[in-house]
N, C-alpha and C. Protein backbone atom coordinates (compact mmCIF):
# COMPACT_ATOMS: atom_id res chain seq x y z
N MET A 1 0.43 -1.16 0.09
CA MET A 1 -0.35 0.08 0.03
C MET A 1 0.77 1.22 0.13
N ALA A 2 0.87 2.29 -1.08
CA ALA A 2 1.54 3.68 -0.92
C ALA A 2 0.68 4.43 -0.31
N ARG A 3 2.07 5.34 0.46
CA ARG A 3 1.60 6.06 1.79
C ARG A 3 1.74 7.25 0.74
N SER A 4 1.34 8.25 1.21
CA SER A 4 1.11 9.61 1.40
C SER A 4 2.39 10.57 1.70
N ARG A 5 3.15 11.38 0.58
CA ARG A 5 4.34 12.30 1.31
C ARG A 5 3.32 12.92 2.47
N VAL A 6 3.85 13.15 3.28
CA VAL A 6 3.53 14.29 4.27
C VAL A 6 4.24 15.53 3.87
N ARG A 7 3.57 16.76 4.06
CA ARG A 7 4.25 17.89 3.58
C ARG A 7 3.60 18.77 5.10
N ASN A 8 4.56 20.19 5.17
CA ASN A 8 4.50 20.89 6.08
C ASN A 8 4.38 21.96 5.36
N ILE A 9 2.60 22.43 5.73
CA ILE A 9 2.03 23.67 4.84
C ILE A 9 2.54 24.70 5.50
N VAL A 10 3.24 24.88 6.77
CA VAL A 10 3.89 25.88 7.02
C VAL A 10 5.30 26.34 6.24
N LYS A 11 6.15 25.37 5.99
CA LYS A 11 7.26 25.87 5.53
C LYS A 11 7.28 25.44 4.13
N GLY A 12 5.98 25.09 3.46
CA GLY A 12 6.24 25.48 1.60
C GLY A 12 5.94 23.90 1.56
N GLY A 13 5.40 23.03 1.89
CA GLY A 13 5.15 21.90 1.24
C GLY A 13 4.52 21.67 -0.28
N GLY A 14 4.98 21.76 -0.84
CA GLY A 14 4.35 21.79 -2.03
C GLY A 14 3.21 23.08 -2.51
N LYS A 15 2.52 21.90 -3.28
CA LYS A 15 1.03 22.47 -3.63
C LYS A 15 0.13 22.82 -2.21
N ASN A 16 0.51 22.27 -1.41
CA ASN A 16 -0.27 22.33 0.02
C ASN A 16 -0.24 23.32 0.89
N SER A 17 0.62 24.44 0.46
CA SER A 17 1.76 25.16 1.25
C SER A 17 0.30 26.47 1.60
N VAL A 18 0.20 27.12 2.45
CA VAL A 18 -0.45 28.26 2.82
C VAL A 18 0.02 29.57 2.08
N GLN A 19 -0.93 30.42 1.41
CA GLN A 19 -0.29 31.45 0.94
C GLN A 19 -0.39 32.50 2.38
N GLY A 20 0.54 33.23 1.94
CA GLY A 20 0.90 34.39 2.89
C GLY A 20 1.19 34.04 4.58
N PHE A 21 1.21 32.57 4.72
CA PHE A 21 1.78 32.52 5.92
C PHE A 21 2.96 32.96 6.65
N LYS A 22 4.06 32.71 5.44
CA LYS A 22 5.24 33.34 5.87
C LYS A 22 5.42 34.76 5.96
N GLU A 23 4.80 35.47 5.42
CA GLU A 23 4.98 37.29 5.47
C GLU A 23 3.87 37.08 7.18
N LEU A 24 3.12 36.82 7.09
CA LEU A 24 1.96 36.71 8.22
C LEU A 24 3.37 36.72 9.77
N LYS A 25 3.73 35.28 9.75
CA LYS A 25 4.89 34.79 10.44
C LYS A 25 5.60 36.13 10.93
N ALA A 26 6.49 36.13 9.70
CA ALA A 26 7.57 37.91 9.75
C ALA A 26 6.84 38.69 10.46
N LYS A 27 5.70 39.15 10.02
CA LYS A 27 5.48 40.27 10.79
C LYS A 27 4.62 39.87 12.38
N LEU A 28 4.38 39.12 12.44
CA LEU A 28 4.11 38.80 13.84
C LEU A 28 5.15 38.77 14.91
N GLN A 29 6.63 38.24 14.40
CA GLN A 29 7.97 37.60 14.91
C GLN A 29 8.17 39.29 14.97
N ASP A 30 8.12 40.34 13.72
CA ASP A 30 8.64 41.67 14.22
C ASP A 30 7.87 42.38 15.23
N LEU A 31 6.34 42.19 15.70
CA LEU A 31 5.63 42.61 16.38
C LEU A 31 5.73 42.39 17.53
N GLN A 32 6.50 41.25 17.89
CA GLN A 32 6.33 40.73 19.33
C GLN A 32 5.90 42.07 20.80
N PRO A 33 4.94 41.71 20.32
CA PRO A 33 4.19 42.84 21.67
C PRO A 33 4.64 42.84 22.95
N GLU A 34 4.57 43.65 23.66
CA GLU A 34 5.76 44.09 24.54
C GLU A 34 3.79 43.78 25.64
N ASN A 35 3.26 44.40 25.49
CA ASN A 35 1.91 44.80 25.80
C ASN A 35 1.26 43.07 26.67
N PRO A 36 1.17 43.35 27.64
CA PRO A 36 0.73 41.84 27.56
C PRO A 36 -0.74 41.53 27.64
N THR A 37 -1.69 42.45 27.98
CA THR A 37 -3.14 42.29 27.29
C THR A 37 -3.22 42.06 25.66
N MET A 38 -2.27 42.97 24.58
CA MET A 38 -2.53 42.87 23.13
C MET A 38 -1.87 41.07 22.99
N ARG A 39 -0.64 40.42 24.00
CA ARG A 39 -0.23 39.38 23.51
C ARG A 39 -1.44 38.37 24.18
N ALA A 40 -1.71 38.30 25.01
CA ALA A 40 -3.12 37.51 25.35
C ALA A 40 -4.58 37.96 24.02
N ASP A 41 -4.61 38.94 24.00
CA ASP A 41 -5.84 38.90 22.91
C ASP A 41 -5.31 38.30 21.67
N ILE A 42 -3.97 38.24 21.01
CA ILE A 42 -3.72 37.74 19.60
C ILE A 42 -3.18 35.99 19.96
N GLN A 43 -3.00 35.65 21.33
CA GLN A 43 -3.01 34.64 21.94
C GLN A 43 -4.85 34.04 21.65
N ALA A 44 -5.75 34.40 22.15
CA ALA A 44 -7.49 34.38 22.04
C ALA A 44 -7.53 33.83 20.59
N VAL A 45 -6.95 35.51 19.68
CA VAL A 45 -7.53 34.58 18.55
C VAL A 45 -6.75 33.66 17.93
N LEU A 46 -5.65 33.19 17.81
CA LEU A 46 -5.18 31.91 17.61
C LEU A 46 -5.49 30.69 17.93
N GLY A 47 -5.62 31.02 19.74
CA GLY A 47 -6.32 29.74 20.52
C GLY A 47 -7.56 29.44 19.84
N ASP A 48 -8.64 30.48 19.65
CA ASP A 48 -9.62 29.89 18.65
C ASP A 48 -9.63 29.23 17.53
N ALA A 49 -8.84 29.13 17.05
CA ALA A 49 -8.77 28.70 15.74
C ALA A 49 -8.14 27.40 16.01
N ALA A 50 -7.37 27.04 16.78
CA ALA A 50 -6.78 26.01 17.44
C ALA A 50 -7.91 25.02 17.48
N VAL A 51 -8.86 25.96 18.14
CA VAL A 51 -10.04 25.05 19.14
C VAL A 51 -11.20 24.47 17.60
N GLU A 52 -10.86 24.85 16.51
CA GLU A 52 -11.74 24.91 15.49
C GLU A 52 -11.04 24.04 14.69
N VAL A 53 -9.87 24.07 14.81
CA VAL A 53 -9.05 22.55 14.17
C VAL A 53 -9.43 21.65 14.64
N ARG A 54 -8.94 21.53 16.01
CA ARG A 54 -9.29 20.39 17.20
C ARG A 54 -10.66 19.89 16.70
N ASN A 55 -11.80 20.91 17.10
CA ASN A 55 -13.13 20.03 16.85
C ASN A 55 -13.48 19.19 15.85
N GLU A 56 -13.41 19.95 14.47
CA GLU A 56 -12.93 19.26 13.23
C GLU A 56 -12.37 18.24 13.17
N MET A 57 -11.36 17.92 13.77
CA MET A 57 -10.10 17.37 13.44
C MET A 57 -10.88 15.42 14.50
N ARG A 58 -11.94 15.60 15.85
CA ARG A 58 -12.20 14.99 16.00
C ARG A 58 -13.86 14.38 15.26
N ALA A 59 -14.38 15.46 15.07
CA ALA A 59 -15.46 14.93 13.74
C ALA A 59 -15.43 14.26 12.99
N GLN A 60 -14.02 14.59 12.30
CA GLN A 60 -13.67 13.60 11.30
C GLN A 60 -13.08 12.12 11.61
N ALA A 61 -12.52 12.48 12.50
CA ALA A 61 -12.47 10.81 13.68
C ALA A 61 -13.26 10.16 13.92
N MET A 62 -14.39 10.80 13.82
CA MET A 62 -15.39 9.73 14.93
C MET A 62 -16.28 9.27 12.95
N ILE A 63 -16.40 10.32 12.13
CA ILE A 63 -17.11 9.91 10.76
C ILE A 63 -15.88 8.73 10.07
N ALA A 64 -14.83 8.78 10.39
CA ALA A 64 -13.60 7.74 9.68
C ALA A 64 -14.00 6.57 10.73
N GLY A 65 -14.04 6.55 11.67
CA GLY A 65 -14.46 5.29 12.71
C GLY A 65 -13.37 5.05 13.60
N TRP A 66 -12.03 5.87 13.90
CA TRP A 66 -11.11 5.82 14.66
C TRP A 66 -11.86 5.64 16.16
N PRO A 67 -11.08 4.36 17.54
CA PRO A 67 -11.59 4.51 18.39
C PRO A 67 -11.79 5.61 19.44
N ALA A 68 -12.39 5.57 19.91
CA ALA A 68 -12.62 6.22 21.06
C ALA A 68 -11.54 6.75 21.82
N ARG A 69 -11.02 5.69 22.23
CA ARG A 69 -9.70 6.41 23.12
C ARG A 69 -8.36 6.76 22.25
N LEU A 70 -8.55 6.94 21.21
CA LEU A 70 -7.91 7.76 20.08
C LEU A 70 -8.16 8.72 19.49
N ILE A 71 -9.37 9.36 19.42
CA ILE A 71 -9.94 10.26 19.43
C ILE A 71 -9.98 11.60 20.55
N ALA A 72 -9.86 10.49 21.28
CA ALA A 72 -9.23 11.45 23.11
C ALA A 72 -7.87 12.13 22.58
N THR A 73 -6.82 11.18 22.16
CA THR A 73 -5.78 12.04 22.60
C THR A 73 -5.90 13.12 20.96
N ILE A 74 -6.93 13.25 20.28
CA ILE A 74 -6.52 15.01 19.78
C ILE A 74 -6.76 16.17 20.39
N PHE A 75 -5.61 16.80 19.91
CA PHE A 75 -5.87 18.39 21.52
C PHE A 75 -5.70 19.42 20.86
N LYS A 76 -5.60 20.52 21.12
CA LYS A 76 -5.48 21.69 21.17
C LYS A 76 -4.63 22.11 22.54
N PHE A 77 -3.32 23.18 21.83
CA PHE A 77 -2.76 24.04 22.89
C PHE A 77 -2.53 25.15 22.37
N SER A 78 -3.23 26.48 23.15
CA SER A 78 -2.77 27.39 22.95
C SER A 78 -2.70 28.30 24.09
N GLU A 79 -1.22 28.59 24.62
CA GLU A 79 -1.00 29.01 25.64
C GLU A 79 0.50 29.87 25.50
N LEU A 80 0.30 31.22 26.04
CA LEU A 80 1.67 31.38 25.30
C LEU A 80 2.99 30.95 26.12
N ARG A 81 4.20 30.09 25.45
CA ARG A 81 5.11 30.11 26.12
C ARG A 81 6.00 30.79 26.68
N ALA A 82 6.74 30.19 27.84
CA ALA A 82 7.82 30.67 28.04
C ALA A 82 9.35 30.38 27.34
N MET A 83 9.90 31.15 26.43
CA MET A 83 11.56 31.00 25.58
C MET A 83 11.79 32.32 25.67
N GLY A 84 12.35 32.85 27.11
CA GLY A 84 13.00 33.70 26.99
C GLY A 84 11.84 34.75 26.76
N LYS A 85 11.27 35.05 25.63
CA LYS A 85 10.40 35.61 25.88
C LYS A 85 9.21 34.79 25.77
N GLU A 86 8.12 35.22 26.50
CA GLU A 86 6.53 34.60 25.77
C GLU A 86 6.09 34.19 24.70
N LYS A 87 6.33 33.02 24.18
CA LYS A 87 6.23 33.47 22.34
C LYS A 87 4.55 32.67 22.60
N ILE A 88 4.06 33.54 21.03
CA ILE A 88 2.56 33.46 21.22
C ILE A 88 2.71 31.61 20.05
N SER A 89 1.89 31.09 20.84
CA SER A 89 1.30 29.75 19.97
C SER A 89 0.02 29.45 20.41
N ALA A 90 -0.39 28.68 19.14
CA ALA A 90 -1.23 27.60 18.77
C ALA A 90 -1.46 26.31 18.24
N LEU A 91 -1.65 25.23 18.38
CA LEU A 91 -1.78 24.05 17.46
C LEU A 91 -2.96 23.08 17.80
N ALA A 92 -3.42 22.48 17.01
CA ALA A 92 -4.05 20.93 17.16
C ALA A 92 -3.48 20.05 17.02
N GLY A 93 -3.24 18.98 17.54
CA GLY A 93 -2.43 17.76 17.27
C GLY A 93 -2.97 16.39 17.63
N VAL A 94 -2.51 15.27 17.43
CA VAL A 94 -2.72 14.27 18.16
C VAL A 94 -1.26 13.83 19.17
N SER A 95 -1.89 13.48 20.47
CA SER A 95 -0.81 13.22 21.95
C SER A 95 0.18 11.71 21.31
N LYS A 96 0.79 11.69 20.54
CA LYS A 96 1.96 11.18 20.80
C LYS A 96 1.97 9.53 22.06
N LYS A 97 2.41 10.08 22.87
CA LYS A 97 2.69 9.63 24.24
C LYS A 97 1.24 8.84 24.62
N ARG A 98 0.53 9.27 24.11
CA ARG A 98 -1.49 8.49 24.52
C ARG A 98 -1.57 7.74 23.24
N SER A 99 -0.91 7.98 22.18
CA SER A 99 -1.35 7.08 21.00
C SER A 99 -0.51 6.25 20.43
N MET A 100 0.72 5.85 21.34
CA MET A 100 2.09 4.77 20.70
C MET A 100 1.26 3.75 20.99
N LEU A 101 1.58 2.31 20.06
CA LEU A 101 1.68 1.15 20.30
C LEU A 101 3.57 0.65 20.05
N GLU A 102 3.12 -0.09 20.95
CA GLU A 102 5.03 -0.50 20.98
C GLU A 102 5.09 -2.13 20.06
N TRP A 103 5.37 -2.67 20.13
CA TRP A 103 5.65 -4.08 19.78
C TRP A 103 6.93 -4.47 19.68
N LYS A 104 7.67 -5.95 19.39
CA LYS A 104 8.33 -6.19 19.18
C LYS A 104 8.99 -6.62 17.61
N ALA A 105 10.05 -6.67 17.14
CA ALA A 105 10.59 -6.51 15.82
C ALA A 105 10.20 -8.25 15.61
N GLY A 106 9.81 -8.50 14.65
CA GLY A 106 9.78 -9.72 14.07
C GLY A 106 10.76 -9.91 12.90
N LYS A 107 11.27 -11.18 12.77
CA LYS A 107 12.29 -11.72 11.00
C LYS A 107 11.25 -11.01 10.50
N HIS A 108 11.57 -10.48 9.23
CA HIS A 108 11.18 -9.91 7.87
C HIS A 108 12.03 -10.50 7.14
N PRO A 109 11.87 -11.58 5.76
CA PRO A 109 13.03 -11.75 5.09
C PRO A 109 13.42 -10.49 4.18
N LYS A 110 12.44 -9.43 4.07
CA LYS A 110 12.45 -8.43 3.17
C LYS A 110 12.57 -7.23 3.59
N SER A 111 13.28 -7.61 4.88
CA SER A 111 13.79 -6.22 5.63
C SER A 111 15.22 -6.52 5.87
N GLN A 112 16.43 -6.51 4.64
CA GLN A 112 17.66 -6.50 5.04
C GLN A 112 18.15 -5.88 5.56
N ASN A 113 17.64 -4.20 5.58
CA ASN A 113 17.98 -3.24 5.94
C ASN A 113 17.37 -2.92 7.37
N ALA A 114 16.58 -3.56 7.81
CA ALA A 114 16.04 -3.15 8.83
C ALA A 114 16.39 -2.32 10.12
N LYS A 115 16.26 -1.44 10.86
CA LYS A 115 16.52 -0.41 11.41
C LYS A 115 16.93 -1.00 13.41
N VAL A 116 15.92 -2.10 13.02
CA VAL A 116 15.64 -2.53 14.62
C VAL A 116 15.71 -3.88 14.39
N PRO A 117 16.55 -4.65 14.95
CA PRO A 117 17.06 -5.73 15.20
C PRO A 117 15.59 -6.71 15.03
N PRO A 118 15.46 -8.05 15.10
CA PRO A 118 14.23 -8.69 15.54
C PRO A 118 14.14 -9.03 16.75
N GLY A 119 13.22 -8.97 17.79
CA GLY A 119 13.10 -8.82 18.97
C GLY A 119 13.39 -7.47 19.75
N GLY A 120 13.63 -6.43 19.04
CA GLY A 120 14.02 -5.08 19.45
C GLY A 120 12.42 -4.37 19.67
N LYS A 121 12.48 -3.46 20.19
CA LYS A 121 11.11 -2.26 20.14
C LYS A 121 11.45 -1.77 19.25
N VAL A 122 9.94 -1.63 19.01
CA VAL A 122 9.17 -1.03 17.63
C VAL A 122 7.89 -0.18 18.32
N ALA A 123 7.72 1.15 17.64
CA ALA A 123 6.86 2.01 18.35
C ALA A 123 6.30 2.80 16.75
N GLU A 124 4.85 3.47 16.87
CA GLU A 124 4.42 3.93 16.23
C GLU A 124 2.98 4.50 16.79
N SER A 125 2.36 5.60 16.02
CA SER A 125 1.08 6.12 16.16
C SER A 125 0.14 5.64 15.78
N LEU A 126 -0.64 5.24 17.12
CA LEU A 126 -1.96 4.88 16.49
C LEU A 126 -2.83 5.69 15.29
N ALA A 127 -2.72 7.22 15.84
CA ALA A 127 -3.56 8.33 14.40
C ALA A 127 -2.64 7.43 13.57
N THR A 128 -1.13 7.56 12.71
CA THR A 128 -0.88 7.37 12.07
C THR A 128 -0.95 6.28 11.26
N MET A 129 -1.30 5.64 11.76
CA MET A 129 -1.69 4.04 11.53
C MET A 129 -3.40 4.51 10.92
N TYR A 130 -3.83 5.01 11.34
CA TYR A 130 -5.19 4.91 11.19
C TYR A 130 -5.83 6.32 9.78
N GLU A 131 -4.41 7.31 10.13
CA GLU A 131 -4.58 7.98 8.86
C GLU A 131 -4.48 7.72 7.85
N PHE A 132 -2.78 6.94 7.48
CA PHE A 132 -2.70 6.82 6.40
C PHE A 132 -2.55 5.25 5.91
N GLY A 133 -2.95 4.90 6.82
CA GLY A 133 -2.68 3.17 6.79
C GLY A 133 -1.78 1.68 7.50
N THR A 134 -1.92 0.63 6.78
CA THR A 134 -0.90 -0.07 7.19
C THR A 134 -1.05 -1.14 6.16
N SER A 135 -0.12 -2.14 6.00
CA SER A 135 0.09 -3.56 5.35
C SER A 135 -1.27 -4.24 5.48
N ARG A 136 -1.65 -4.15 6.82
CA ARG A 136 -2.86 -4.92 7.45
C ARG A 136 -4.05 -4.16 7.11
N MET A 137 -4.23 -2.67 6.95
CA MET A 137 -5.20 -1.81 7.44
C MET A 137 -5.46 -1.10 6.62
N SER A 138 -6.47 -0.84 5.33
CA SER A 138 -6.44 0.94 4.89
C SER A 138 -6.70 1.93 5.81
N ALA A 139 -6.38 2.59 4.97
CA ALA A 139 -6.29 4.41 5.26
C ALA A 139 -7.77 4.36 6.01
N HIS A 140 -7.77 5.13 7.22
CA HIS A 140 -9.14 5.96 7.90
C HIS A 140 -8.62 7.38 7.64
N PRO A 141 -8.94 7.76 6.55
CA PRO A 141 -8.20 9.56 6.95
C PRO A 141 -9.02 10.55 7.84
N ALA A 142 -8.64 11.23 8.97
CA ALA A 142 -9.19 11.86 9.29
C ALA A 142 -8.49 13.54 9.88
N ILE A 143 -7.10 13.64 10.02
CA ILE A 143 -6.57 14.70 9.94
C ILE A 143 -6.49 15.43 8.47
N ARG A 144 -6.22 14.86 7.64
CA ARG A 144 -6.41 15.70 6.35
C ARG A 144 -7.68 16.48 5.94
N PRO A 145 -8.86 15.06 5.69
CA PRO A 145 -10.13 15.89 5.34
C PRO A 145 -10.03 17.43 6.66
N ALA A 146 -9.85 16.82 7.37
CA ALA A 146 -10.52 18.01 8.81
C ALA A 146 -9.89 19.47 8.21
N VAL A 147 -8.35 19.39 8.41
CA VAL A 147 -7.82 20.31 7.53
C VAL A 147 -8.00 21.02 6.45
N LYS A 148 -8.66 20.43 5.52
CA LYS A 148 -9.25 21.00 4.51
C LYS A 148 -10.35 21.56 4.34
N ILE A 149 -10.96 20.99 5.53
CA ILE A 149 -12.37 21.27 5.78
C ILE A 149 -12.49 22.68 5.83
N VAL A 150 -11.61 22.96 7.30
CA VAL A 150 -11.56 23.92 8.04
C VAL A 150 -10.47 25.18 7.38
N ARG A 151 -9.66 24.76 6.64
CA ARG A 151 -8.48 25.77 6.23
C ARG A 151 -9.39 27.38 6.03
N ASN A 152 -10.47 27.06 5.42
CA ASN A 152 -10.90 29.12 5.09
C ASN A 152 -11.37 28.73 6.16
N LYS A 153 -12.55 28.79 7.10
CA LYS A 153 -13.25 28.84 7.71
C LYS A 153 -11.97 29.49 9.20
N VAL A 154 -11.06 28.47 9.39
CA VAL A 154 -9.92 29.57 10.27
C VAL A 154 -9.22 30.70 9.61
N ARG A 155 -8.90 30.53 8.94
CA ARG A 155 -7.61 31.52 8.12
C ARG A 155 -8.85 33.12 7.61
N GLU A 156 -10.25 33.01 7.38
CA GLU A 156 -10.98 34.18 7.69
C GLU A 156 -11.17 34.60 9.31
N ALA A 157 -11.17 33.60 10.17
CA ALA A 157 -11.28 34.03 11.46
C ALA A 157 -9.88 34.59 12.28
N VAL A 158 -9.52 33.86 11.70
CA VAL A 158 -7.83 35.13 12.12
C VAL A 158 -7.66 35.83 11.69
N LYS A 159 -7.88 36.21 10.36
CA LYS A 159 -8.10 37.65 9.48
C LYS A 159 -8.89 38.40 10.25
N ALA A 160 -10.51 38.10 10.39
CA ALA A 160 -11.11 38.69 11.26
C ALA A 160 -10.67 39.21 12.36
N GLY A 161 -9.84 38.19 13.18
CA GLY A 161 -9.91 38.29 14.55
C GLY A 161 -8.40 39.49 14.40
N MET A 162 -8.01 39.42 13.59
CA MET A 162 -6.37 39.80 13.80
C MET A 162 -6.87 41.96 13.33
N ARG A 163 -7.71 41.86 12.22
CA ARG A 163 -8.08 43.09 11.93
C ARG A 163 -8.22 43.66 12.84
N ALA A 164 -9.53 42.84 14.02
CA ALA A 164 -10.20 43.46 15.06
C ALA A 164 -9.30 44.07 15.75
N LEU A 165 -8.24 43.52 16.16
CA LEU A 165 -6.96 43.85 17.16
C LEU A 165 -6.54 44.73 16.84
N LEU A 166 -5.92 45.32 15.19
CA LEU A 166 -5.53 46.04 14.75
C LEU A 166 -5.76 47.70 14.40
N GLU A 167 -7.32 47.22 14.78
CA GLU A 167 -8.24 48.49 14.69
C GLU A 167 -8.19 48.77 16.35
N LYS A 168 -8.26 48.18 16.83
CA LYS A 168 -8.13 48.03 18.88
C LYS A 168 -7.12 48.90 19.26
N TYR A 169 -5.82 48.20 18.91
CA TYR A 169 -4.56 48.81 19.24
C TYR A 169 -4.21 50.01 18.31
N ALA A 170 -4.37 50.12 17.15
CA ALA A 170 -4.22 51.47 16.47
C ALA A 170 -5.41 52.76 16.64
N ASN A 171 -6.29 52.33 17.31
CA ASN A 171 -7.24 53.29 17.79
C ASN A 171 -7.13 53.82 19.12
N GLY A 172 -6.13 52.53 20.65
CA GLY A 172 -6.36 52.84 21.47
C GLY A 172 -5.50 53.18 21.99
């Protein structure tokens, strides 16, 4: 079974890249507002976007037939992170720690270049297995369809939220 190549849309991963994201990221990095209220407002806009993505990911996972315990690992993160200066960040994803499956590697005659010797520990995210499939299970994609469905809604919500903040702080 052929696997799709995973692309990072933020770093310009081919035709799936988000137009204008690099420019927006650069502008936000240059801004680095010192005003704690402004930082919290920006974080709230991005946090709301992460909630939208997480909710759609969960809905698509349910439709795709993912197990409830796996759907429960889909999270959103939207807090100011302290790294020298507080960084504004938000994301939605699947917790690797809570969704990992481990097993012992078997001896496979076609795997002459196996990275793990027979009997060694192997692990893979159950979410990856459902999203892309395995040699024994067809793919049940949920993350990629969710991103496709919610992309424009999130883009417009962030645009509107940032526009409102620009007006608020430009006039205030």
